[in-house]
C-alpha cells in the first residue's frame, strides 16, 4: 500500500509479463479514466511501450541503462494511440 496515497501496489506481474500488464491497462484504465503508474525494469520498458501502442521513435529504444530519472506520461487519444510526454527533473 502506498502510504501517501492509500492506493494498493500491484506487484503480481513478473519482469517478462509486460504484455499481460499492458493488456490489463488497455482493457481497464481507459474505461475508468484512472491514472496508472508503472515502475519497470528499464530493459523492458521499450517492449512495454510498444504493447501499450506507443509509436516507435517517440520513446528511447533501447533504454539507456544509466537513466533512472525519466518518466514517460502516456495520454491516450480517441484513436487508441498515446501521446507521450517526457517528464524530467525537477519533478
Protein backbone atom coordinates (compact mmCIF):
# COMPACT_ATOMS: atom_id res chain seq x y z
CA UNK A 1 0.00 0.00 0.00
CA UNK A 2 1.32 3.42 -0.88
CA UNK A 3 1.39 5.32 2.38
CA UNK A 4 0.95 8.76 0.86
CA UNK A 5 -1.99 7.94 -1.43
CA UNK A 6 -3.58 4.87 0.12
CA UNK A 7 -3.51 3.15 -3.27
CA UNK A 8 -2.51 -0.53 -3.23
CA UNK A 9 0.60 -1.56 -5.14
CA UNK A 10 0.06 -4.41 -7.60
CA UNK A 11 3.24 -6.46 -7.88
CA UNK A 12 1.84 -9.67 -9.38
CA UNK A 13 3.45 -9.15 -12.80
CA UNK A 14 6.92 -10.62 -13.34
CA UNK A 15 9.63 -8.84 -15.33
CA UNK A 16 8.72 -10.51 -18.64
CA UNK A 17 4.94 -10.17 -18.08
CA UNK A 18 4.76 -6.66 -19.55
CA UNK A 19 2.41 -7.91 -22.27
CA UNK A 20 -0.14 -9.11 -19.72
CA UNK A 21 0.21 -5.86 -17.79
CA UNK A 22 -0.32 -3.82 -20.95
CA UNK A 23 -3.42 -5.80 -21.87
CA UNK A 24 -4.88 -5.22 -18.40
CA UNK A 25 -4.18 -1.50 -18.66
CA UNK A 26 -5.62 -1.21 -22.16
CA UNK A 27 -8.73 -3.13 -21.13
CA UNK A 28 -9.48 -1.30 -17.90
CA UNK A 29 -7.69 2.01 -17.33
CA UNK A 30 -9.27 3.85 -20.26
CA UNK A 31 -12.75 2.76 -19.18
CA UNK A 32 -12.29 4.09 -15.67
CA UNK A 33 -10.25 7.17 -16.65
CA UNK A 34 -7.78 6.31 -13.88
CA UNK A 35 -4.11 7.11 -13.66
CA UNK A 36 -1.76 4.15 -13.72
CA UNK A 37 1.86 4.44 -12.58
CA UNK A 38 4.23 1.73 -13.77
CA UNK A 39 7.73 1.14 -12.47
CA UNK A 40 9.54 -1.46 -14.58
CA UNK A 41 12.92 -2.93 -15.37
CA UNK A 42 14.23 -0.44 -17.88
CA UNK A 43 15.50 -3.00 -20.39
CA UNK A 44 11.83 -4.00 -20.92
CA UNK A 45 10.29 -0.51 -20.98
CA UNK A 46 10.52 -0.16 -24.80
CA UNK A 47 8.74 -3.50 -25.28
CA UNK A 48 6.09 -2.50 -22.74
CA UNK A 49 5.54 0.81 -24.55
CA UNK A 50 5.14 -0.97 -27.88
CA UNK A 51 2.44 -3.22 -26.42
CA UNK A 52 0.79 -0.09 -24.99
CA UNK A 53 0.59 1.14 -28.63
CA UNK A 54 3.21 3.87 -28.32
CA UNK A 55 4.70 4.91 -31.64
CA UNK A 56 8.26 3.81 -32.37
CA UNK A 57 10.60 6.78 -32.27
CA UNK A 58 8.65 8.60 -29.55
CA UNK A 59 10.46 6.87 -26.68
CA UNK A 60 14.03 5.69 -26.00
CA UNK A 61 14.70 2.31 -27.61
CA UNK A 62 16.88 0.83 -26.37
CA UNK A 63 16.55 2.41 -22.97
CA UNK A 64 19.83 3.81 -21.65
CA UNK A 65 20.70 1.58 -18.65
CA UNK A 66 22.14 4.62 -16.83
CA UNK A 67 18.83 6.55 -16.93
CA UNK A 68 16.76 6.16 -13.78
CA UNK A 69 15.03 9.54 -13.66
CA UNK A 70 12.94 9.67 -16.82
CA UNK A 71 9.18 9.48 -16.60
CA UNK A 72 7.08 8.99 -19.71
CA UNK A 73 3.48 10.11 -19.49
CA UNK A 74 1.11 8.41 -21.93
CA UNK A 75 -2.15 10.18 -22.72
CA UNK A 76 -4.47 8.14 -24.91
CA UNK A 77 -6.36 9.83 -27.70
CA UNK A 78 -9.62 8.69 -29.25
CA UNK A 79 -7.71 6.60 -31.83
CA UNK A 80 -6.17 4.49 -29.04
CA UNK A 81 -2.61 5.72 -29.68
CA UNK A 82 -0.96 7.51 -26.79
CA UNK A 83 0.74 10.84 -26.99
CA UNK A 84 3.96 10.72 -24.98
CA UNK A 85 5.31 13.50 -22.80
CA UNK A 86 8.72 13.25 -21.13
CA UNK A 87 8.68 14.39 -17.52
CA UNK A 88 12.15 15.44 -16.45
CA UNK A 89 13.69 16.66 -13.23
CA UNK A 90 12.91 18.60 -11.21
CA UNK A 91 9.62 16.76 -10.81
